[in-house]
């Protein structure tokens, strides 16, 4: 049943019928089921519904988004992939950011960013980048010690992951306290690496972060000492 509903939920034309039939309540029960396979397909179905912003309020109202959060720590890789995918879809809607912050969505995202699987941590990075457009979410991410695992993703062999790290840092660096936090966490070395990249998008994002960090007077001395100006030249 869980797999069947996940397949129906993947079709845009079927989604209104699923919502009218009250299927989301059943998906919540599936996501909370002790059976790994049932929980996995429940999470996938919720993620598929979350592709459409029109479904987001229903997913919040029924507790579907909340049901996903504990699954970020699942031992099943496919379940973690489904959760990361679903949370990324929810985070793509800026209208959800306040609710996500209050629900503590960033805590499981920090867990997912640490995941060794590329699909999992890439989707989580997407979500963090989008949530970081909101000041309270930027603050909460730093408070949850998400900065260090995010910076560790800079060592990824995936250009797409590196781009997302740079984009996340750019959004995070919009808040004054975060400018200093990024520098103290060793962010300058990562930013120099990205700024010198042959990938134009990555270099562009990195230069934007460097410019944001330089707005904090406390950062300017250490930035000069690090030789970052020479790299920019």
C-alpha atoms as a PDB file:
ATOM      1  CA  UNK A   1       0.000   0.000   0.000  1.00  0.00           C
ATOM      2  CA  UNK A   2       2.770   2.429   0.901  1.00  0.00           C
ATOM      3  CA  UNK A   3       4.580   1.759  -2.374  1.00  0.00           C
ATOM      4  CA  UNK A   4       1.363   2.125  -4.382  1.00  0.00           C
ATOM      5  CA  UNK A   5       0.552   5.467  -2.764  1.00  0.00           C
ATOM      6  CA  UNK A   6       4.126   6.648  -3.390  1.00  0.00           C
ATOM      7  CA  UNK A   7       3.689   5.818  -7.081  1.00  0.00           C
ATOM      8  CA  UNK A   8       0.353   7.655  -7.266  1.00  0.00           C
ATOM      9  CA  UNK A   9       1.905  10.613  -5.436  1.00  0.00           C
ATOM     10  CA  UNK A  10       4.628  10.841  -8.087  1.00  0.00           C
ATOM     11  CA  UNK A  11       1.986  11.742 -10.678  1.00  0.00           C
ATOM     12  CA  UNK A  12       0.857  15.349 -10.522  1.00  0.00           C
ATOM     13  CA  UNK A  13      -2.598  14.521 -11.861  1.00  0.00           C
ATOM     14  CA  UNK A  14      -3.195  12.004  -9.059  1.00  0.00           C
ATOM     15  CA  UNK A  15      -2.221  14.282  -6.191  1.00  0.00           C
ATOM     16  CA  UNK A  16      -5.494  16.223  -5.789  1.00  0.00           C
ATOM     17  CA  UNK A  17      -7.407  12.932  -5.594  1.00  0.00           C
ATOM     18  CA  UNK A  18      -5.038  11.609  -2.932  1.00  0.00           C
ATOM     19  CA  UNK A  19      -5.512  14.726  -0.829  1.00  0.00           C
ATOM     20  CA  UNK A  20      -9.305  14.638  -1.174  1.00  0.00           C
ATOM     21  CA  UNK A  21      -9.349  10.986  -0.145  1.00  0.00           C
ATOM     22  CA  UNK A  22      -7.406  11.767   3.029  1.00  0.00           C
ATOM     23  CA  UNK A  23      -4.416   9.698   1.940  1.00  0.00           C
ATOM     24  CA  UNK A  24      -1.942  12.007   3.677  1.00  0.00           C
ATOM     25  CA  UNK A  25      -3.142  10.822   7.088  1.00  0.00           C
ATOM     26  CA  UNK A  26      -2.345   7.268   6.040  1.00  0.00           C
ATOM     27  CA  UNK A  27       1.071   8.361   4.789  1.00  0.00           C
ATOM     28  CA  UNK A  28       1.823   9.801   8.224  1.00  0.00           C
ATOM     29  CA  UNK A  29       1.056   6.392   9.750  1.00  0.00           C
ATOM     30  CA  UNK A  30       3.265   4.713   7.162  1.00  0.00           C
ATOM     31  CA  UNK A  31       6.174   7.092   7.853  1.00  0.00           C
ATOM     32  CA  UNK A  32       5.892   6.266  11.564  1.00  0.00           C
ATOM     33  CA  UNK A  33       5.677   2.508  10.972  1.00  0.00           C
ATOM     34  CA  UNK A  34       8.335   0.270  12.532  1.00  0.00           C
ATOM     35  CA  UNK A  35       8.769  -1.633   9.272  1.00  0.00           C
ATOM     36  CA  UNK A  36      11.654  -0.109   7.300  1.00  0.00           C
ATOM     37  CA  UNK A  37      10.049  -0.627   3.892  1.00  0.00           C
ATOM     38  CA  UNK A  38       6.728   0.867   4.940  1.00  0.00           C
ATOM     39  CA  UNK A  39       8.385   3.926   6.479  1.00  0.00           C
ATOM     40  CA  UNK A  40      10.588   4.381   3.421  1.00  0.00           C
ATOM     41  CA  UNK A  41       7.695   4.453   0.948  1.00  0.00           C
ATOM     42  CA  UNK A  42       5.662   6.635   3.295  1.00  0.00           C
ATOM     43  CA  UNK A  43       8.496   9.166   3.303  1.00  0.00           C
ATOM     44  CA  UNK A  44       8.856   8.913  -0.483  1.00  0.00           C
ATOM     45  CA  UNK A  45       5.142   9.551  -0.991  1.00  0.00           C
ATOM     46  CA  UNK A  46       5.302  12.626   1.260  1.00  0.00           C
ATOM     47  CA  UNK A  47       8.343  13.837  -0.667  1.00  0.00           C
ATOM     48  CA  UNK A  48       6.542  13.354  -3.975  1.00  0.00           C
ATOM     49  CA  UNK A  49       3.555  15.364  -2.740  1.00  0.00           C
ATOM     50  CA  UNK A  50       5.941  18.068  -1.496  1.00  0.00           C
ATOM     51  CA  UNK A  51       7.139  18.702  -5.059  1.00  0.00           C
ATOM     52  CA  UNK A  52       4.007  20.834  -5.479  1.00  0.00           C
ATOM     53  CA  UNK A  53       3.851  23.928  -3.291  1.00  0.00           C
ATOM     54  CA  UNK A  54       0.052  23.751  -3.337  1.00  0.00           C
ATOM     55  CA  UNK A  55       0.271  20.604  -1.171  1.00  0.00           C
ATOM     56  CA  UNK A  56       2.560  22.015   1.499  1.00  0.00           C
ATOM     57  CA  UNK A  57      -0.092  23.335   3.878  1.00  0.00           C
ATOM     58  CA  UNK A  58      -1.810  19.951   3.924  1.00  0.00           C
ATOM     59  CA  UNK A  59       1.499  18.249   4.700  1.00  0.00           C
ATOM     60  CA  UNK A  60       2.083  20.562   7.644  1.00  0.00           C
ATOM     61  CA  UNK A  61      -1.497  20.387   8.920  1.00  0.00           C
ATOM     62  CA  UNK A  62      -1.584  16.583   8.939  1.00  0.00           C
ATOM     63  CA  UNK A  63       1.801  16.232  10.633  1.00  0.00           C
ATOM     64  CA  UNK A  64       3.391  14.691   7.535  1.00  0.00           C
ATOM     65  CA  UNK A  65       6.449  16.960   7.646  1.00  0.00           C
ATOM     66  CA  UNK A  66       6.897  16.343  11.372  1.00  0.00           C
ATOM     67  CA  UNK A  67       6.708  12.576  10.768  1.00  0.00           C
ATOM     68  CA  UNK A  68       9.744  12.822   8.477  1.00  0.00           C
ATOM     69  CA  UNK A  69      12.121  14.383  11.007  1.00  0.00           C
ATOM     70  CA  UNK A  70      13.004  11.271  13.069  1.00  0.00           C
ATOM     71  CA  UNK A  71      13.652   9.338   9.857  1.00  0.00           C
ATOM     72  CA  UNK A  72      16.747  11.470   9.173  1.00  0.00           C
ATOM     73  CA  UNK A  73      18.531   9.129  11.586  1.00  0.00           C
ATOM     74  CA  UNK A  74      17.246   5.947   9.900  1.00  0.00           C
ATOM     75  CA  UNK A  75      19.756   3.163   9.298  1.00  0.00           C
ATOM     76  CA  UNK A  76      18.189   2.679   5.856  1.00  0.00           C
ATOM     77  CA  UNK A  77      19.986   4.700   3.178  1.00  0.00           C
ATOM     78  CA  UNK A  78      16.984   4.901   0.843  1.00  0.00           C
ATOM     79  CA  UNK A  79      14.849   6.259   3.677  1.00  0.00           C
ATOM     80  CA  UNK A  80      17.398   8.998   4.371  1.00  0.00           C
ATOM     81  CA  UNK A  81      17.418   9.845   0.680  1.00  0.00           C
ATOM     82  CA  UNK A  82      13.626  10.145   0.702  1.00  0.00           C
ATOM     83  CA  UNK A  83      13.661  12.371   3.781  1.00  0.00           C
ATOM     84  CA  UNK A  84      16.355  14.643   2.351  1.00  0.00           C
ATOM     85  CA  UNK A  85      14.404  14.895  -0.917  1.00  0.00           C
ATOM     86  CA  UNK A  86      11.175  15.712   0.924  1.00  0.00           C
ATOM     87  CA  UNK A  87      12.708  18.362   3.191  1.00  0.00           C
ATOM     88  CA  UNK A  88      14.383  19.995   0.205  1.00  0.00           C
ATOM     89  CA  UNK A  89      10.995  20.256  -1.526  1.00  0.00           C
ATOM     90  CA  UNK A  90       9.404  21.789   1.572  1.00  0.00           C
ATOM     91  CA  UNK A  91      12.291  24.229   2.017  1.00  0.00           C
ATOM     92  CA  UNK A  92      11.967  25.392  -1.597  1.00  0.00           C
ATOM     93  CA  UNK A  93       8.875  27.375  -0.578  1.00  0.00           C
ATOM     94  CA  UNK A  94      10.000  30.493   1.312  1.00  0.00           C
ATOM     95  CA  UNK A  95       6.540  30.772   2.877  1.00  0.00           C
ATOM     96  CA  UNK A  96       7.385  27.612   4.862  1.00  0.00           C
ATOM     97  CA  UNK A  97      10.616  28.890   6.379  1.00  0.00           C
ATOM     98  CA  UNK A  98       9.106  30.301   9.563  1.00  0.00           C
ATOM     99  CA  UNK A  99       7.254  27.063  10.285  1.00  0.00           C
ATOM    100  CA  UNK A 100      10.349  24.998   9.487  1.00  0.00           C
ATOM    101  CA  UNK A 101      12.399  27.045  11.933  1.00  0.00           C
ATOM    102  CA  UNK A 102       9.842  26.552  14.710  1.00  0.00           C
ATOM    103  CA  UNK A 103       9.509  22.829  13.989  1.00  0.00           C
ATOM    104  CA  UNK A 104      13.264  22.326  14.151  1.00  0.00           C
ATOM    105  CA  UNK A 105      13.645  21.113  10.571  1.00  0.00           C
ATOM    106  CA  UNK A 106      17.250  22.304  10.526  1.00  0.00           C
ATOM    107  CA  UNK A 107      18.311  19.786  13.180  1.00  0.00           C
ATOM    108  CA  UNK A 108      17.687  16.711  10.961  1.00  0.00           C
ATOM    109  CA  UNK A 109      19.167  18.622   8.021  1.00  0.00           C
ATOM    110  CA  UNK A 110      22.430  18.992   9.962  1.00  0.00           C
ATOM    111  CA  UNK A 111      22.336  15.225  10.470  1.00  0.00           C
ATOM    112  CA  UNK A 112      21.717  14.654   6.763  1.00  0.00           C
ATOM    113  CA  UNK A 113      24.531  17.004   5.741  1.00  0.00           C
ATOM    114  CA  UNK A 114      26.907  14.724   7.655  1.00  0.00           C
ATOM    115  CA  UNK A 115      25.719  11.691   5.698  1.00  0.00           C
ATOM    116  CA  UNK A 116      28.439  10.105   3.501  1.00  0.00           C
ATOM    117  CA  UNK A 117      25.959   9.492   0.671  1.00  0.00           C
ATOM    118  CA  UNK A 118      26.157  12.171  -2.022  1.00  0.00           C
ATOM    119  CA  UNK A 119      22.434  12.141  -2.808  1.00  0.00           C
ATOM    120  CA  UNK A 120      21.555  12.617   0.851  1.00  0.00           C
ATOM    121  CA  UNK A 121      23.936  15.450   1.691  1.00  0.00           C
ATOM    122  CA  UNK A 122      23.376  17.223  -1.634  1.00  0.00           C
ATOM    123  CA  UNK A 123      19.604  17.407  -1.110  1.00  0.00           C
ATOM    124  CA  UNK A 124      20.206  18.522   2.484  1.00  0.00           C
ATOM    125  CA  UNK A 125      22.560  21.262   1.280  1.00  0.00           C
ATOM    126  CA  UNK A 126      19.882  22.407  -1.194  1.00  0.00           C
ATOM    127  CA  UNK A 127      17.431  22.688   1.696  1.00  0.00           C
ATOM    128  CA  UNK A 128      19.854  24.559   3.959  1.00  0.00           C
ATOM    129  CA  UNK A 129      20.687  27.018   1.186  1.00  0.00           C
ATOM    130  CA  UNK A 130      17.013  27.831   0.739  1.00  0.00           C
ATOM    131  CA  UNK A 131      16.209  28.039   4.446  1.00  0.00           C
ATOM    132  CA  UNK A 132      19.229  30.307   4.923  1.00  0.00           C
ATOM    133  CA  UNK A 133      17.384  33.028   3.057  1.00  0.00           C
ATOM    134  CA  UNK A 134      15.539  33.591   6.359  1.00  0.00           C
ATOM    135  CA  UNK A 135      17.482  35.293   9.219  1.00  0.00           C
ATOM    136  CA  UNK A 136      16.134  33.057  12.007  1.00  0.00           C
ATOM    137  CA  UNK A 137      17.055  29.938  10.049  1.00  0.00           C
ATOM    138  CA  UNK A 138      20.555  31.281   9.423  1.00  0.00           C
ATOM    139  CA  UNK A 139      20.987  31.820  13.152  1.00  0.00           C
ATOM    140  CA  UNK A 140      19.554  28.415  14.051  1.00  0.00           C
ATOM    141  CA  UNK A 141      21.825  26.565  11.626  1.00  0.00           C
ATOM    142  CA  UNK A 142      24.922  28.070  13.248  1.00  0.00           C
ATOM    143  CA  UNK A 143      23.530  27.378  16.732  1.00  0.00           C
ATOM    144  CA  UNK A 144      23.053  23.711  15.777  1.00  0.00           C
ATOM    145  CA  UNK A 145      26.753  23.541  14.811  1.00  0.00           C
ATOM    146  CA  UNK A 146      25.931  22.900  11.180  1.00  0.00           C
ATOM    147  CA  UNK A 147      28.787  25.040   9.881  1.00  0.00           C
ATOM    148  CA  UNK A 148      31.609  22.520  10.376  1.00  0.00           C
ATOM    149  CA  UNK A 149      29.911  19.611   8.557  1.00  0.00           C
ATOM    150  CA  UNK A 150      28.919  22.029   5.782  1.00  0.00           C
ATOM    151  CA  UNK A 151      32.532  23.154   5.349  1.00  0.00           C
ATOM    152  CA  UNK A 152      33.668  19.525   5.307  1.00  0.00           C
ATOM    153  CA  UNK A 153      31.569  19.011   2.176  1.00  0.00           C
ATOM    154  CA  UNK A 154      33.999  21.360   0.417  1.00  0.00           C
ATOM    155  CA  UNK A 155      36.255  18.307   0.058  1.00  0.00           C
ATOM    156  CA  UNK A 156      33.616  16.541  -2.049  1.00  0.00           C
ATOM    157  CA  UNK A 157      34.580  15.343  -5.515  1.00  0.00           C
ATOM    158  CA  UNK A 158      31.223  16.588  -6.779  1.00  0.00           C
ATOM    159  CA  UNK A 159      31.211  20.052  -8.354  1.00  0.00           C
ATOM    160  CA  UNK A 160      27.480  20.264  -7.696  1.00  0.00           C
ATOM    161  CA  UNK A 161      28.014  19.674  -3.970  1.00  0.00           C
ATOM    162  CA  UNK A 162      30.789  22.290  -3.879  1.00  0.00           C
ATOM    163  CA  UNK A 163      28.522  24.794  -5.628  1.00  0.00           C
ATOM    164  CA  UNK A 164      25.832  24.215  -3.008  1.00  0.00           C
ATOM    165  CA  UNK A 165      28.319  24.671  -0.167  1.00  0.00           C
ATOM    166  CA  UNK A 166      29.393  28.000  -1.671  1.00  0.00           C
ATOM    167  CA  UNK A 167      25.757  29.059  -2.159  1.00  0.00           C
ATOM    168  CA  UNK A 168      24.888  28.044   1.425  1.00  0.00           C
ATOM    169  CA  UNK A 169      27.808  30.061   2.781  1.00  0.00           C
ATOM    170  CA  UNK A 170      26.742  33.059   0.758  1.00  0.00           C
ATOM    171  CA  UNK A 171      23.250  33.027   2.268  1.00  0.00           C
ATOM    172  CA  UNK A 172      24.538  32.271   5.758  1.00  0.00           C
ATOM    173  CA  UNK A 173      27.026  35.145   5.533  1.00  0.00           C
ATOM    174  CA  UNK A 174      24.221  37.690   5.155  1.00  0.00           C
ATOM    175  CA  UNK A 175      23.834  37.775   8.972  1.00  0.00           C
ATOM    176  CA  UNK A 176      26.426  39.789  10.896  1.00  0.00           C
ATOM    177  CA  UNK A 177      27.282  37.178  13.580  1.00  0.00           C
ATOM    178  CA  UNK A 178      27.653  34.511  10.907  1.00  0.00           C
ATOM    179  CA  UNK A 179      30.317  36.504   9.070  1.00  0.00           C
ATOM    180  CA  UNK A 180      32.633  36.068  12.038  1.00  0.00           C
ATOM    181  CA  UNK A 181      31.522  32.489  12.717  1.00  0.00           C
ATOM    182  CA  UNK A 182      32.392  31.423   9.156  1.00  0.00           C
ATOM    183  CA  UNK A 183      35.858  32.957   9.402  1.00  0.00           C
ATOM    184  CA  UNK A 184      36.546  31.392  12.802  1.00  0.00           C
ATOM    185  CA  UNK A 185      35.393  27.981  11.550  1.00  0.00           C
ATOM    186  CA  UNK A 186      38.103  27.986   8.880  1.00  0.00           C
ATOM    187  CA  UNK A 187      35.871  29.183   6.084  1.00  0.00           C
ATOM    188  CA  UNK A 188      38.552  31.380   4.485  1.00  0.00           C
ATOM    189  CA  UNK A 189      40.561  28.388   3.249  1.00  0.00           C
ATOM    190  CA  UNK A 190      37.460  26.898   1.662  1.00  0.00           C
ATOM    191  CA  UNK A 191      36.532  30.205   0.056  1.00  0.00           C
ATOM    192  CA  UNK A 192      40.001  30.672  -1.446  1.00  0.00           C
ATOM    193  CA  UNK A 193      39.782  27.185  -2.930  1.00  0.00           C
ATOM    194  CA  UNK A 194      36.362  27.937  -4.396  1.00  0.00           C
ATOM    195  CA  UNK A 195      37.345  31.399  -5.659  1.00  0.00           C
ATOM    196  CA  UNK A 196      40.246  29.889  -7.605  1.00  0.00           C
ATOM    197  CA  UNK A 197      38.048  27.176  -9.099  1.00  0.00           C
ATOM    198  CA  UNK A 198      37.697  26.847 -12.854  1.00  0.00           C
ATOM    199  CA  UNK A 199      33.952  26.524 -12.266  1.00  0.00           C
ATOM    200  CA  UNK A 200      32.522  30.008 -12.806  1.00  0.00           C
ATOM    201  CA  UNK A 201      29.433  29.511 -10.625  1.00  0.00           C
ATOM    202  CA  UNK A 202      31.497  28.291  -7.683  1.00  0.00           C
ATOM    203  CA  UNK A 203      34.013  31.134  -8.001  1.00  0.00           C
ATOM    204  CA  UNK A 204      31.185  33.673  -8.281  1.00  0.00           C
ATOM    205  CA  UNK A 205      29.497  32.440  -5.113  1.00  0.00           C
ATOM    206  CA  UNK A 206      32.802  32.310  -3.217  1.00  0.00           C
ATOM    207  CA  UNK A 207      33.660  35.907  -4.118  1.00  0.00           C
ATOM    208  CA  UNK A 208      30.216  36.936  -2.895  1.00  0.00           C
ATOM    209  CA  UNK A 209      30.858  35.260   0.467  1.00  0.00           C
ATOM    210  CA  UNK A 210      34.292  36.901   0.755  1.00  0.00           C
ATOM    211  CA  UNK A 211      32.709  40.288   0.095  1.00  0.00           C
ATOM    212  CA  UNK A 212      30.108  39.629   2.807  1.00  0.00           C
ATOM    213  CA  UNK A 213      32.743  38.537   5.327  1.00  0.00           C
ATOM    214  CA  UNK A 214      34.802  41.652   4.625  1.00  0.00           C
ATOM    215  CA  UNK A 215      31.898  43.818   5.811  1.00  0.00           C
ATOM    216  CA  UNK A 216      32.703  42.751   9.384  1.00  0.00           C
ATOM    217  CA  UNK A 217      35.545  44.915  10.704  1.00  0.00           C
ATOM    218  CA  UNK A 218      36.659  42.065  12.982  1.00  0.00           C
ATOM    219  CA  UNK A 219      37.286  39.927   9.911  1.00  0.00           C
ATOM    220  CA  UNK A 220      39.315  42.400   7.886  1.00  0.00           C
ATOM    221  CA  UNK A 221      42.655  41.992   9.691  1.00  0.00           C
ATOM    222  CA  UNK A 222      42.625  38.185   9.648  1.00  0.00           C
ATOM    223  CA  UNK A 223      41.517  38.222   6.006  1.00  0.00           C
ATOM    224  CA  UNK A 224      44.474  40.411   5.002  1.00  0.00           C
ATOM    225  CA  UNK A 225      46.846  38.221   7.026  1.00  0.00           C
ATOM    226  CA  UNK A 226      45.526  35.111   5.314  1.00  0.00           C
ATOM    227  CA  UNK A 227      46.598  36.497   1.936  1.00  0.00           C
ATOM    228  CA  UNK A 228      43.072  36.355   0.577  1.00  0.00           C
ATOM    229  CA  UNK A 229      43.467  39.739  -1.177  1.00  0.00           C
ATOM    230  CA  UNK A 230      46.381  38.408  -3.189  1.00  0.00           C
ATOM    231  CA  UNK A 231      44.280  35.457  -4.276  1.00  0.00           C
ATOM    232  CA  UNK A 232      41.486  37.815  -5.354  1.00  0.00           C
ATOM    233  CA  UNK A 233      43.962  39.880  -7.399  1.00  0.00           C
END
